[in-house]
Amino acid sequence: MGVTDTSPEARTVQLDILRTMSGEQRLLLALDMSLFARELARARIRLENPTWTEGEIARELMRLAFLPGSLPAGLP
């Protein structure tokens, strides 16, 4: 297991809760966590680039998610 800030006791509680959840509940939890992470990234981009439009923010969010470098300047 990698580095963690969760105590072994808390980890046991987490695993017990996850074991009681249905597959659908675990999938919905993962989706919620993914959406939350995306909103955090969007907020950071907004803070770092206060003059950007929503389109520019969305473009940067996609770049961060899928590309290692900057997008070509000519792309919308």
C-alpha atoms as a PDB file:
ATOM      1  CA  MET A   1       0.000   0.000   0.000  1.00  0.00           C
ATOM      2  CA  GLY A   2       1.226   3.546  -0.774  1.00  0.00           C
ATOM      3  CA  VAL A   3       1.656   6.490   1.539  1.00  0.00           C
ATOM      4  CA  THR A   4      -1.536   7.364   3.388  1.00  0.00           C
ATOM      5  CA  ASP A   5      -2.692   9.752   6.082  1.00  0.00           C
ATOM      6  CA  THR A   6      -5.473   7.364   7.127  1.00  0.00           C
ATOM      7  CA  SER A   7      -4.970   5.443  10.346  1.00  0.00           C
ATOM      8  CA  PRO A   8      -5.352   1.660  10.247  1.00  0.00           C
ATOM      9  CA  GLU A   9      -8.470   1.962  12.417  1.00  0.00           C
ATOM     10  CA  ALA A  10     -10.081   4.508  10.071  1.00  0.00           C
ATOM     11  CA  ARG A  11      -9.133   2.385   7.066  1.00  0.00           C
ATOM     12  CA  THR A  12     -10.884  -0.614   8.650  1.00  0.00           C
ATOM     13  CA  VAL A  13     -14.044   1.463   9.138  1.00  0.00           C
ATOM     14  CA  GLN A  14     -13.851   2.677   5.520  1.00  0.00           C
ATOM     15  CA  LEU A  15     -13.516  -0.882   4.216  1.00  0.00           C
ATOM     16  CA  ASP A  16     -16.399  -2.093   6.395  1.00  0.00           C
ATOM     17  CA  ILE A  17     -18.627   0.668   4.986  1.00  0.00           C
ATOM     18  CA  LEU A  18     -17.586  -0.072   1.403  1.00  0.00           C
ATOM     19  CA  ARG A  19     -18.304  -3.782   1.888  1.00  0.00           C
ATOM     20  CA  THR A  20     -21.890  -2.984   2.922  1.00  0.00           C
ATOM     21  CA  MET A  21     -22.494  -0.884  -0.207  1.00  0.00           C
ATOM     22  CA  SER A  22     -23.981  -2.330  -3.366  1.00  0.00           C
ATOM     23  CA  GLY A  23     -22.070  -2.164  -6.621  1.00  0.00           C
ATOM     24  CA  GLU A  24     -24.360   0.646  -7.762  1.00  0.00           C
ATOM     25  CA  GLN A  25     -23.696   2.630  -4.570  1.00  0.00           C
ATOM     26  CA  ARG A  26     -19.920   2.223  -4.989  1.00  0.00           C
ATOM     27  CA  LEU A  27     -20.158   3.310  -8.622  1.00  0.00           C
ATOM     28  CA  LEU A  28     -22.190   6.396  -7.680  1.00  0.00           C
ATOM     29  CA  LEU A  29     -19.664   7.229  -4.950  1.00  0.00           C
ATOM     30  CA  ALA A  30     -16.828   6.999  -7.480  1.00  0.00           C
ATOM     31  CA  LEU A  31     -18.753   9.243  -9.885  1.00  0.00           C
ATOM     32  CA  ASP A  32     -19.383  11.817  -7.139  1.00  0.00           C
ATOM     33  CA  MET A  33     -15.695  11.814  -6.205  1.00  0.00           C
ATOM     34  CA  SER A  34     -14.712  12.249  -9.859  1.00  0.00           C
ATOM     35  CA  LEU A  35     -17.095  15.185 -10.319  1.00  0.00           C
ATOM     36  CA  PHE A  36     -15.825  16.770  -7.097  1.00  0.00           C
ATOM     37  CA  ALA A  37     -12.205  16.428  -8.231  1.00  0.00           C
ATOM     38  CA  ARG A  38     -13.114  18.017 -11.574  1.00  0.00           C
ATOM     39  CA  GLU A  39     -14.777  20.968  -9.813  1.00  0.00           C
ATOM     40  CA  LEU A  40     -11.699  21.436  -7.617  1.00  0.00           C
ATOM     41  CA  ALA A  41      -9.493  21.486 -10.717  1.00  0.00           C
ATOM     42  CA  ARG A  42     -11.859  23.945 -12.421  1.00  0.00           C
ATOM     43  CA  ALA A  43     -11.750  26.226  -9.352  1.00  0.00           C
ATOM     44  CA  ARG A  44      -7.948  26.155  -9.334  1.00  0.00           C
ATOM     45  CA  ILE A  45      -7.810  27.029 -13.034  1.00  0.00           C
ATOM     46  CA  ARG A  46     -10.231  29.908 -12.401  1.00  0.00           C
ATOM     47  CA  LEU A  47      -8.099  31.234  -9.525  1.00  0.00           C
ATOM     48  CA  GLU A  48      -4.914  31.032 -11.569  1.00  0.00           C
ATOM     49  CA  ASN A  49      -6.533  32.611 -14.661  1.00  0.00           C
ATOM     50  CA  PRO A  50      -9.218  35.067 -13.484  1.00  0.00           C
ATOM     51  CA  THR A  51      -9.703  36.653 -16.922  1.00  0.00           C
ATOM     52  CA  TRP A  52     -10.377  33.358 -18.750  1.00  0.00           C
ATOM     53  CA  THR A  53     -13.798  32.571 -20.163  1.00  0.00           C
ATOM     54  CA  GLU A  54     -15.664  29.378 -19.252  1.00  0.00           C
ATOM     55  CA  GLY A  55     -14.623  27.976 -22.628  1.00  0.00           C
ATOM     56  CA  GLU A  56     -10.945  28.600 -21.915  1.00  0.00           C
ATOM     57  CA  ILE A  57     -11.331  27.020 -18.487  1.00  0.00           C
ATOM     58  CA  ALA A  58     -13.037  23.952 -19.999  1.00  0.00           C
ATOM     59  CA  ARG A  59     -10.272  23.689 -22.612  1.00  0.00           C
ATOM     60  CA  GLU A  60      -7.572  23.768 -19.930  1.00  0.00           C
ATOM     61  CA  LEU A  61      -9.447  21.204 -17.844  1.00  0.00           C
ATOM     62  CA  MET A  62      -9.520  18.854 -20.837  1.00  0.00           C
ATOM     63  CA  ARG A  63      -5.840  19.461 -21.524  1.00  0.00           C
ATOM     64  CA  LEU A  64      -4.926  18.664 -17.937  1.00  0.00           C
ATOM     65  CA  ALA A  65      -7.021  15.500 -18.019  1.00  0.00           C
ATOM     66  CA  PHE A  66      -5.886  14.098 -21.352  1.00  0.00           C
ATOM     67  CA  LEU A  67      -2.742  15.736 -22.718  1.00  0.00           C
ATOM     68  CA  PRO A  68       0.767  16.028 -21.294  1.00  0.00           C
ATOM     69  CA  GLY A  69       1.439  19.450 -22.857  1.00  0.00           C
ATOM     70  CA  SER A  70      -0.321  22.522 -24.107  1.00  0.00           C
ATOM     71  CA  LEU A  71      -2.877  22.354 -26.897  1.00  0.00           C
ATOM     72  CA  PRO A  72      -1.910  23.915 -30.213  1.00  0.00           C
ATOM     73  CA  ALA A  73      -2.806  27.625 -30.259  1.00  0.00           C
ATOM     74  CA  GLY A  74      -5.108  27.302 -33.290  1.00  0.00           C
ATOM     75  CA  LEU A  75      -7.592  24.929 -31.622  1.00  0.00           C
ATOM     76  CA  PRO A  76     -10.833  26.407 -30.262  1.00  0.00           C
END
